[in-house]
Protein backbone atom coordinates (compact mmCIF):
# COMPACT_ATOMS: atom_id res chain seq x y z
CA MET A 1 5.28 30.88 -44.69
CA THR A 2 2.59 30.60 -47.37
CA THR A 3 0.85 27.23 -47.60
CA ASN A 4 -2.18 25.80 -49.30
CA SER A 5 -4.17 25.04 -46.18
CA SER A 6 -7.26 24.08 -48.16
CA GLY A 7 -5.64 20.89 -49.34
CA VAL A 8 -4.46 19.66 -45.93
CA HIS A 9 -6.35 16.62 -44.72
CA SER A 10 -7.37 16.25 -41.07
CA HIS A 11 -5.43 13.00 -40.70
CA SER A 12 -2.04 13.74 -39.13
CA GLY A 13 -0.43 10.42 -40.04
CA SER A 14 0.31 9.47 -36.42
CA GLY A 15 -2.49 7.00 -35.84
CA PRO A 16 -6.29 6.87 -35.57
CA GLY A 17 -6.51 9.77 -33.05
CA LEU A 18 -7.52 9.96 -29.40
CA MET A 19 -11.33 9.90 -29.76
CA PRO A 20 -11.55 6.34 -31.18
CA VAL A 21 -8.95 5.25 -28.63
CA LEU A 22 -10.96 6.63 -25.71
CA VAL A 23 -14.26 5.19 -26.99
CA ILE A 24 -12.79 1.72 -27.51
CA GLY A 25 -10.93 2.03 -24.17
CA ALA A 26 -14.24 2.80 -22.41
CA LEU A 27 -15.80 -0.32 -23.97
CA ILE A 28 -12.84 -2.45 -22.88
CA GLY A 29 -13.08 -0.95 -19.37
CA MET A 30 -16.78 -1.91 -19.26
CA LEU A 31 -15.83 -5.50 -20.09
CA PHE A 32 -13.25 -5.49 -17.28
CA THR A 33 -15.63 -3.93 -14.72
CA GLY A 34 -18.78 -5.91 -15.43
CA ASP A 35 -21.71 -4.07 -13.81
CA ILE A 36 -20.77 -0.38 -14.15
CA LEU A 37 -23.83 0.76 -12.15
CA THR A 38 -22.69 -0.87 -8.92
CA ALA A 39 -18.92 -0.65 -9.43
CA ASP A 40 -16.71 1.63 -7.36
CA LEU A 41 -15.57 4.93 -8.92
CA SER A 42 -11.89 4.03 -8.48
CA ALA A 43 -12.49 0.65 -10.16
CA LEU A 44 -14.17 2.39 -13.11
CA ALA A 45 -11.28 4.85 -13.43
CA LEU A 46 -8.74 2.01 -13.25
CA ALA A 47 -10.59 0.00 -15.93
CA PHE A 48 -10.90 3.07 -18.19
CA CYS A 49 -7.17 3.84 -17.90
CA TRP A 50 -6.03 0.31 -18.74
CA GLY A 51 -8.67 -0.03 -21.47
CA SER A 52 -7.51 3.20 -23.10
CA VAL A 53 -3.84 2.12 -22.94
CA ILE A 54 -4.65 -1.29 -24.47
CA SER A 55 -6.81 0.35 -27.17
CA PHE A 56 -4.08 2.92 -27.97
CA LEU A 57 -1.32 0.31 -28.29
CA SER A 58 -3.47 -2.03 -30.39
CA LEU A 59 -4.64 0.65 -32.81
CA GLN A 60 -1.16 2.15 -33.06
CA TRP A 61 0.47 -1.13 -34.05
CA ILE A 62 -2.34 -1.92 -36.52
CA ASP A 63 -1.85 1.52 -38.07
CA LEU A 64 1.95 1.07 -38.08
CA THR A 65 1.58 -2.22 -39.91
CA GLY A 66 -0.81 -0.72 -42.49
CA GLN A 67 1.38 2.33 -43.16
CA SER A 68 4.52 0.19 -43.42
CA LEU A 69 2.82 -2.01 -46.03
CA SER A 70 1.65 1.10 -47.89
CA LEU A 71 5.17 2.51 -47.88
CA ILE A 72 6.59 -0.80 -49.15
CA ALA A 73 4.01 -0.77 -51.99
CA ASN A 74 5.67 2.44 -53.36
CA PRO A 75 2.55 4.55 -54.02
CA LEU A 76 4.46 7.14 -56.10
CA PRO A 77 7.11 5.46 -58.32
CA LEU A 78 10.20 7.30 -59.48
CA ASP A 79 9.06 7.22 -63.11
CA THR A 80 6.21 9.63 -62.34
CA GLU A 81 6.74 12.86 -64.26
CA LEU A 82 6.30 15.72 -61.79
CA ALA A 83 6.98 18.43 -64.38
CA ASP A 84 3.78 17.55 -66.28
CA ARG A 85 1.13 18.91 -63.97
CA GLY A 86 -1.70 17.74 -66.17
CA SER A 87 -0.73 14.07 -65.87
CA LEU A 88 -0.46 14.40 -62.07
CA HIS A 89 -4.26 14.81 -61.81
CA GLU A 90 -4.72 11.28 -63.11
CA ARG A 91 -1.98 9.98 -60.84
CA MET A 92 -3.56 11.64 -57.81
CA ALA A 93 -6.91 10.06 -58.64
CA ARG A 94 -5.34 6.58 -58.64
CA LEU A 95 -3.80 7.01 -55.15
CA ALA A 96 -5.38 4.87 -52.45
CA ARG A 97 -6.81 6.21 -49.19
CA GLY A 98 -4.39 6.17 -46.26
CA PRO A 99 -2.17 8.48 -44.17
CA ILE A 100 0.78 8.24 -46.60
CA HIS A 101 -1.46 8.67 -49.61
CA HIS A 102 -3.08 11.73 -48.00
CA ARG A 103 0.31 13.34 -47.46
CA LEU A 104 1.35 12.65 -51.06
CA ARG A 105 -1.99 13.84 -52.42
CA ASN A 106 -1.77 17.12 -50.46
CA LEU A 107 1.78 17.79 -51.67
CA LEU A 108 0.95 16.99 -55.28
CA SER A 109 -2.24 19.03 -55.12
CA THR A 110 -0.27 22.02 -53.84
CA TRP A 111 2.22 21.58 -56.68
CA VAL A 112 -0.46 21.11 -59.33
CA GLN A 113 -2.28 24.28 -58.22
CA GLY A 114 0.79 26.29 -59.23
CA TRP A 115 2.63 26.83 -55.97
CA ASP A 116 6.41 27.08 -55.96
CA PRO A 117 8.74 24.39 -54.54
CA ARG A 118 9.34 26.43 -51.35
CA THR A 119 5.63 26.19 -50.51
CA VAL A 120 5.63 22.42 -51.16
CA ILE A 121 8.70 22.04 -48.91
CA ASP A 122 7.08 24.08 -46.16
CA LEU A 123 3.94 21.96 -46.42
CA ALA A 124 6.00 18.73 -46.19
CA SER A 125 7.84 20.09 -43.14
CA TYR A 126 4.53 21.03 -41.52
CA GLN A 127 3.12 17.54 -42.18
CA SER A 128 6.22 15.91 -40.65
CA SER A 129 6.27 18.14 -37.56
CA ARG A 130 2.54 17.71 -36.98
CA ALA A 131 2.80 13.92 -37.17
CA ARG A 132 5.70 13.87 -34.69
CA ARG A 133 4.01 16.34 -32.34
CA THR A 134 0.76 14.38 -32.36
CA ILE A 135 2.35 11.02 -31.53
CA VAL A 136 4.42 12.58 -28.74
CA SER A 137 1.36 14.20 -27.16
CA GLU A 138 -0.61 10.95 -27.41
CA VAL A 139 2.20 8.91 -25.84
CA VAL A 140 2.53 11.44 -23.00
CA PHE A 141 -1.23 11.22 -22.39
CA MET A 142 -1.05 7.41 -22.30
CA PHE A 143 1.92 7.64 -19.91
CA ILE A 144 -0.22 9.77 -17.56
CA LEU A 145 -3.01 7.15 -17.75
CA VAL A 146 -0.49 4.40 -16.87
CA VAL A 147 0.73 6.39 -13.84
CA VAL A 148 -2.87 6.98 -12.67
CA ALA A 149 -3.69 3.28 -13.14
CA ASN A 150 -0.58 2.31 -11.17
CA VAL A 151 -1.57 4.63 -8.31
CA LEU A 152 -5.12 3.19 -8.25
CA GLY A 153 -4.20 -0.46 -8.77
CA GLY A 154 -0.58 -0.76 -7.59
CA LEU A 155 0.48 -3.02 -10.49
CA ASP A 156 4.13 -2.00 -10.74
CA ARG A 157 5.30 -4.69 -13.18
CA ILE A 158 2.39 -4.16 -15.56
CA ALA A 159 2.92 -0.39 -15.39
CA ILE A 160 6.63 -0.78 -16.21
CA ALA A 161 5.79 -3.12 -19.10
CA ALA A 162 3.19 -0.65 -20.40
CA ILE A 163 5.72 2.22 -20.21
CA ALA A 164 8.26 0.09 -22.09
CA VAL A 165 5.71 -0.76 -24.80
CA LEU A 166 4.76 2.93 -25.05
CA GLY A 167 8.44 3.83 -25.54
CA LEU A 168 8.78 1.11 -28.18
CA THR A 169 5.64 2.38 -29.92
CA LEU A 170 7.00 5.94 -29.90
CA ALA A 171 10.31 4.75 -31.34
CA ALA A 172 8.55 2.68 -34.04
CA ARG A 173 6.27 5.58 -34.94
CA GLN A 174 9.22 7.99 -35.16
CA ALA A 175 11.11 5.51 -37.33
CA LEU A 176 8.09 5.18 -39.63
CA ASN A 177 7.72 8.98 -39.80
CA GLY A 178 11.42 9.20 -40.67
CA GLY A 179 10.90 6.65 -43.44
CA ILE A 180 7.89 8.57 -44.76
CA ASP A 181 9.87 11.82 -44.67
CA ALA A 182 12.72 10.17 -46.58
CA TYR A 183 10.24 8.75 -49.10
CA VAL A 184 8.59 12.16 -49.59
CA GLU A 185 11.99 13.77 -49.95
CA SER A 186 13.29 11.27 -52.51
CA HIS A 187 10.08 10.76 -54.51
CA VAL A 188 8.58 14.27 -54.45
CA LEU A 189 10.69 17.11 -53.10
CA ALA A 190 14.04 16.13 -54.63
CA ARG A 191 12.42 15.59 -58.05
CA LEU A 192 10.75 18.95 -58.35
CA PRO A 193 12.12 21.01 -61.29
CA ALA A 194 15.17 23.09 -60.41
CA ASN A 195 14.06 26.30 -62.14
CA LEU A 196 10.41 27.17 -62.05
CA PRO A 197 8.57 30.41 -62.56
CA HIS A 198 8.88 32.83 -59.64
CA THR A 199 11.70 30.81 -58.00
CA SER A 200 15.45 30.32 -58.38
CA MET A 201 15.89 27.35 -55.99
CA THR A 202 18.32 24.56 -56.78
CA ALA A 203 18.26 20.93 -55.70
CA ALA A 204 20.95 21.58 -53.07
CA GLU A 205 18.92 24.45 -51.58
CA LEU A 206 15.84 22.25 -51.63
CA ALA A 207 17.60 19.45 -49.71
CA ALA A 208 19.14 21.94 -47.26
CA ALA A 209 15.76 23.57 -46.60
CA LEU A 210 14.02 20.24 -46.04
CA GLY A 211 16.81 18.97 -43.81
CA GLY A 212 16.77 22.16 -41.74
CA SER A 213 12.99 21.98 -41.34
CA ILE A 214 13.13 18.34 -40.27
CA GLU A 215 15.98 19.04 -37.86
CA ASN A 216 14.11 21.99 -36.32
CA SER A 217 10.90 20.02 -35.95
CA PHE A 218 12.85 17.15 -34.39
CA LYS A 219 14.42 19.50 -31.85
CA LYS A 220 11.14 21.29 -31.08
CA TYR A 221 8.68 18.40 -30.84
CA ILE A 222 10.70 15.31 -29.93
CA PRO A 223 11.37 14.94 -26.17
CA GLN A 224 15.02 15.43 -25.33
CA PRO A 225 16.74 12.42 -23.69
CA ALA A 226 17.71 14.43 -20.61
CA ASP A 227 14.11 15.60 -20.01
CA MET A 228 12.66 12.14 -20.54
CA THR A 229 15.33 10.64 -18.26
CA GLN A 230 14.49 13.10 -15.52
CA ALA A 231 10.74 12.43 -15.85
CA ILE A 232 11.18 8.65 -15.69
CA ARG A 233 13.63 8.94 -12.78
CA HIS A 234 11.15 11.14 -10.92
CA GLY A 235 8.37 8.58 -11.42
CA ILE A 236 10.60 5.74 -10.21
CA GLU A 237 11.67 7.74 -7.14
CA GLU A 238 8.04 8.45 -6.25
CA ALA A 239 7.16 4.74 -6.56
CA ASN A 240 10.15 3.81 -4.36
CA LEU A 241 9.20 6.42 -1.76
CA GLN A 242 5.61 5.13 -1.67
CA PHE A 243 6.74 1.52 -1.28
CA THR A 244 9.27 2.48 1.45
CA GLY A 245 6.59 4.47 3.29
CA GLN A 246 4.24 1.46 3.32
CA ILE A 247 6.94 -0.80 4.76
CA LYS A 248 7.81 1.80 7.42
CA THR A 249 4.13 2.17 8.38
CA LEU A 250 3.80 -1.60 8.82
CA HIS A 251 6.98 -1.74 10.92
CA ASP A 252 5.85 1.17 13.14
CA ALA A 253 2.43 -0.43 13.67
CA LEU A 254 4.02 -3.72 14.76
CA LEU A 255 6.40 -1.95 17.14
CA GLN A 256 3.57 0.13 18.60
CA ASN A 257 1.38 -2.95 19.21
CA GLN A 258 4.29 -4.77 20.82
CA THR A 259 4.98 -1.79 23.11
CA VAL A 260 1.32 -1.59 24.16
CA ILE A 261 1.19 -5.32 24.93
CA VAL A 262 4.42 -5.20 26.97
CA GLN A 263 3.13 -2.18 28.91
CA THR A 264 -0.20 -3.94 29.60
CA TRP A 265 1.62 -7.04 30.80
CA ALA A 266 3.86 -4.95 33.09
CA ASN A 267 0.84 -3.12 34.57
CA ALA A 268 -0.99 -6.42 35.13
CA ALA A 269 2.07 -7.94 36.81
CA LYS A 270 2.46 -4.85 39.02
CA THR A 271 -1.23 -4.92 39.98
CA THR A 272 -1.04 -8.64 40.75
CA THR A 273 2.01 -8.11 42.97
CA HIS A 274 0.24 -5.40 44.98
CA GLU A 275 -2.88 -7.56 45.39
CA LEU A 276 -0.80 -10.56 46.52
CA ARG A 277 0.87 -8.35 49.10
CA ASP A 278 -2.57 -7.22 50.35
CA VAL A 279 -3.67 -10.87 50.59
CA GLU A 280 -0.49 -11.69 52.53
CA LYS A 281 -1.17 -8.85 54.97
CA ALA A 282 -4.80 -9.97 55.42
CA LEU A 283 -3.72 -13.57 56.08
CA ALA A 284 -1.10 -12.37 58.60
CA THR A 285 -3.78 -10.29 60.36
CA VAL A 286 -6.18 -13.27 60.51
CA VAL A 287 -3.47 -15.57 61.91
CA SER A 288 -2.48 -12.96 64.49
CA ASP A 289 -6.12 -12.47 65.53
CA LEU A 290 -6.66 -16.27 65.83
CA THR A 291 -3.46 -16.68 67.86
CA GLY A 292 -4.36 -13.82 70.19
CA GLY A 293 -7.91 -15.07 70.67
CA LEU A 294 -6.82 -18.61 71.47
CA HIS A 295 -4.18 -17.34 73.90
CA THR A 296 -6.76 -15.14 75.67
CA ASN A 297 -9.30 -18.01 75.93
CA ALA A 298 -6.63 -20.31 77.35
CA GLU A 299 -5.74 -17.75 79.99
CA LYS A 300 -9.44 -17.30 80.87
CA MET A 301 -9.99 -21.06 81.18
CA GLN A 302 -6.86 -21.46 83.35
CA HIS A 303 -8.00 -18.61 85.60
CA ILE A 304 -11.46 -20.12 85.99
CA MET A 305 -10.09 -23.59 86.80
CA THR A 306 -7.61 -22.16 89.32
CA HIS A 307 -10.40 -20.13 90.99
CA HIS A 308 -12.70 -23.18 91.32
CA THR A 309 -9.87 -25.34 92.72
CA GLN A 310 -9.09 -22.74 95.36
CA GLU A 311 -12.79 -22.51 96.36
CA ILE A 312 -13.05 -26.29 96.60
CA GLN A 313 -9.94 -26.52 98.77
CA LYS A 314 -11.24 -23.72 100.94
CA VAL A 315 -14.58 -25.43 101.39
CA PHE A 316 -12.98 -28.80 102.24
CA ALA A 317 -10.70 -27.05 104.74
CA GLU A 318 -13.69 -25.45 106.46
CA VAL A 319 -15.51 -28.77 106.48
CA GLY A 320 -12.54 -30.54 108.05
CA SER A 321 -12.20 -27.86 110.69
CA GLN A 322 -15.85 -28.04 111.56
CA LEU A 323 -15.67 -31.86 111.80
CA LYS A 324 -12.87 -31.62 114.23
CA HIS A 325 -14.64 -29.17 116.55
CA ASN A 326 -18.13 -30.47 116.28
CA ASN A 327 -18.69 -34.15 115.71
CA VAL A 328 -22.36 -33.94 116.67
CA ASP A 329 -23.40 -31.62 114.03
CA GLY A 330 -20.70 -32.83 111.54
CA ALA A 331 -22.95 -34.87 109.35
CA ALA A 332 -25.63 -32.19 109.00
CA GLN A 333 -23.10 -29.44 108.48
CA LEU A 334 -21.16 -31.64 106.05
CA GLN A 335 -24.30 -32.37 104.12
CA THR A 336 -25.22 -28.70 104.10
CA ALA A 337 -21.70 -27.68 103.02
CA LEU A 338 -21.61 -30.31 100.33
CA LYS A 339 -25.00 -29.22 99.07
CA THR A 340 -23.86 -25.60 99.06
CA HIS A 341 -20.66 -26.55 97.32
CA VAL A 342 -22.55 -28.57 94.75
CA ASP A 343 -24.94 -25.70 94.09
CA LEU A 344 -22.06 -23.23 93.85
CA PHE A 345 -20.15 -25.56 91.58
CA SER A 346 -23.22 -26.04 89.37
CA GLN A 347 -23.76 -22.32 89.06
CA ASN A 348 -20.09 -21.63 88.30
CA ASN A 349 -19.94 -24.52 85.89
CA GLY A 350 -22.98 -23.22 83.94
CA ALA A 351 -21.52 -19.70 83.75
CA TRP A 352 -18.16 -21.09 82.64
CA ALA A 353 -19.83 -23.21 79.91
CA LYS A 354 -21.82 -20.22 78.60
CA GLN A 355 -18.71 -18.02 78.60
CA LEU A 356 -16.66 -20.69 76.80
CA GLN A 357 -19.43 -21.23 74.23
CA SER A 358 -19.65 -17.48 73.59
CA VAL A 359 -15.90 -17.13 73.11
CA LEU A 360 -15.72 -20.13 70.79
CA GLY A 361 -18.70 -18.83 68.78
CA GLU A 362 -16.98 -15.48 68.28
CA HIS A 363 -13.81 -17.21 67.11
CA VAL A 364 -15.74 -19.50 64.76
CA SER A 365 -17.51 -16.48 63.22
CA THR A 366 -14.20 -14.60 62.86
CA LEU A 367 -12.53 -17.66 61.32
CA ASP A 368 -15.44 -18.14 58.88
CA THR A 369 -15.23 -14.49 57.74
CA ALA A 370 -11.46 -14.69 57.27
CA THR A 371 -11.84 -17.96 55.34
CA LYS A 372 -14.40 -16.36 52.96
CA ALA A 373 -12.11 -13.35 52.42
CA LEU A 374 -9.19 -15.70 51.74
CA VAL A 375 -11.26 -17.69 49.19
CA GLY A 376 -12.23 -14.45 47.43
CA GLN A 377 -8.61 -13.32 47.25
CA LEU A 378 -7.56 -16.73 45.91
CA ASP A 379 -10.27 -16.53 43.19
CA GLN A 380 -9.04 -13.07 42.22
CA ILE A 381 -5.45 -14.38 42.10
CA ALA A 382 -6.57 -17.21 39.78
CA SER A 383 -8.35 -14.69 37.50
CA LEU A 384 -5.25 -12.49 37.38
CA SER A 385 -3.15 -15.54 36.58
CA LYS A 386 -5.40 -16.27 33.58
CA ASN A 387 -5.13 -12.63 32.41
CA ILE A 388 -1.35 -12.77 32.65
CA GLU A 389 -1.32 -16.00 30.66
CA GLN A 390 -3.47 -14.37 27.94
CA VAL A 391 -1.12 -11.36 27.79
CA LEU A 392 1.85 -13.70 27.41
CA HIS A 393 0.07 -15.56 24.59
CA VAL A 394 -0.67 -12.26 22.80
CA GLN A 395 2.97 -11.22 23.12
CA GLU A 396 4.10 -14.57 21.71
CA ALA A 397 1.64 -14.11 18.80
CA VAL A 398 3.01 -10.62 18.07
CA ASP A 399 6.61 -11.86 18.16
CA SER A 400 5.69 -14.71 15.85
CA ALA A 401 3.93 -12.29 13.45
CA VAL A 402 7.00 -10.04 13.34
CA ARG A 403 9.26 -13.02 12.62
CA ASP A 404 6.86 -14.30 9.96
CA VAL A 405 6.73 -10.91 8.22
CA ALA A 406 10.52 -10.70 8.19
CA THR A 407 11.00 -14.26 6.88
CA THR A 408 8.03 -14.75 4.53
CA GLU A 409 8.51 -15.44 0.86
CA GLU A 410 6.19 -12.53 0.00
CA PHE A 411 8.49 -10.06 1.78
CA ARG A 412 11.49 -11.48 -0.09
CA LYS A 413 9.57 -11.35 -3.37
CA THR A 414 8.69 -7.70 -2.67
CA LEU A 415 12.36 -6.84 -2.24
CA GLU A 416 13.22 -8.87 -5.36
CA THR A 417 10.46 -7.05 -7.30
CA LEU A 418 11.85 -3.68 -6.21
CA ARG A 419 15.35 -4.71 -7.34
CA LYS A 420 14.06 -5.87 -10.74
CA HIS A 421 12.02 -2.67 -11.02
CA ILE A 422 15.15 -0.57 -10.52
CA GLU A 423 17.15 -2.69 -13.00
CA GLU A 424 14.45 -2.42 -15.67
CA SER A 425 14.20 1.33 -15.07
CA ASP A 426 17.97 1.66 -15.53
CA ASN A 427 17.80 -0.32 -18.78
CA LEU A 428 14.93 1.87 -19.99
CA LEU A 429 16.90 5.02 -19.13
CA ARG A 430 19.92 3.72 -21.04
CA GLU A 431 17.74 2.95 -24.09
CA VAL A 432 16.04 6.34 -23.99
CA THR A 433 19.26 8.30 -23.57
CA LYS A 434 20.97 6.74 -26.60
CA PRO A 435 21.87 9.48 -29.14
CA ARG A 436 19.93 9.61 -32.41
CA THR A 437 21.16 11.18 -35.62
CA ILE A 438 19.31 12.05 -38.85
CA ARG A 439 21.43 12.26 -41.98
CA LEU A 440 20.31 13.63 -45.31
CA VAL A 441 22.49 12.37 -48.17
CA GLU A 442 22.18 13.61 -51.73
CA THR A 443 24.01 11.84 -54.53
CA GLU A 444 25.54 13.50 -57.53
CA GLU A 445 23.12 11.71 -59.87
CA GLU A 446 20.11 13.20 -58.07
CA ILE A 447 21.67 16.68 -58.37
CA LEU A 448 22.21 16.19 -62.09
CA GLN A 449 18.73 14.75 -62.64
CA SER A 450 17.10 17.65 -60.82
C-alpha cells in the first residue's frame, strides 16, 4: 500500500492519549494519598491506579462530547466540490482543529497532492484501524489498572462499576468511530471522481474496498466477544476463589482455636483428677497413721495401768501377810512398805507421764505436718478450679464468636454482595457477547452522482 505518510497527524482520534491520562492520574492519586513521602508503597500504587482510571474516563467522555459536537457541526458539507483541487486548499484552511478535522485534512491533503482514490481509501482505512486499535489498547491498560487496584484495595463493587464504565466507554468510542467512518465515507470517499488519471475505479469498487478494509480492521483490532467473555469470566473466578479462600481460612482458624482450647481443658481436668486422687491417698495415709498411733498409745496406757495395779495389790498382800505374822513390827514395816510403795509409785508415775507426753508430742507434730500438707493440697485444688473456670469461659467465648460470625449482618451482606457480583458479571457478559453488525449501504443516486 502506498500512502502519504507525511500528511498523517500524530493524533489518532481515540482520545487525548495515555501520557496526559497518567500525569493527571498521578496528580489525583497525590490528592487521595495526602503526604506521599510517608505513605505506604501499596497505598501510592492504589491511589495512582484509581487516579489514572478516573482521569482516563473523564478525558475520554470530554473528548467524546467534543468530537460528537464537531461531527454534528458537519465540517465538510456535501456541496464541497472535491474535483476542483485548487478550491480544496481554501476549504482545508478553514477547517477547525480537532481529531475529526485532522482526519479530513489529511485525506483532502492526500487527494490535493495528486494521489489516486485507492491511496485515499487506504489512508482512511489506516486512520480508522489506528483509532480502534488505540482505544482498545487503552481500555485494556485501564482494565489491568482496575484489577491491580482491586487486588490492593479489595473494592469489588467499585471495580465492577469501573469495568462496566470502561466497557460503556469502549462501546461509545467504537460507535463514534463508526459514525466518523460513515461520515468520511459519505462526504469524502464516495464523492471522489469515478475516473481519474492512472485509475479505473468505480464508485461500487470504492465502497467495496472501504467496506472490506473496515471489516478487516474490525476483525483484527476489536476484541472478539468469546475472548472478552473468557477474560471477564477468568477474572470473576479468581475473585470468587480469593473470597472463598479467605472464608475457609477464617473457619479453619476458629476450628483450630476451639480444638486447642478443648484439649487444654481436657488436660487440665485430667491433671486435676490425678492431683485429687493423690490428695485422697495422702489424707487416707494421715488418718491411718493417726488411728494406729492412738490405738498404740491406748494399749501402752492400759498396760502401764494394769502393771501398777498388780504391783499395788502385790504390795498390799505382802503388807497384810506381814501384819498377820508380826504385830510388833507391823507399824514400822507398814510405814516402810508404804514409803517404799509411795516412792515406787512416784517414780513409775513420773516415767509414765514423760512417756505419755513424748507420745502425744509426736502425734501432735505428725498431725500438724499432715494438716499443713492438706492445706497446701486444698490451695492447689482451689487454683486448679479457677484455671478450669477460665478455660470454660474461653470456650464459651469461642463458641459465642463462632455463632456471631455465622449470624452477623456483615457475613450475610458478604454473601449478598457475592451474589450481586455474580449477577452483574452475568449481565455484563450478556451485553458484551451481543452480536454487532456493520452495514455499508450505497444508494442508486450516489452511484449516479459519482
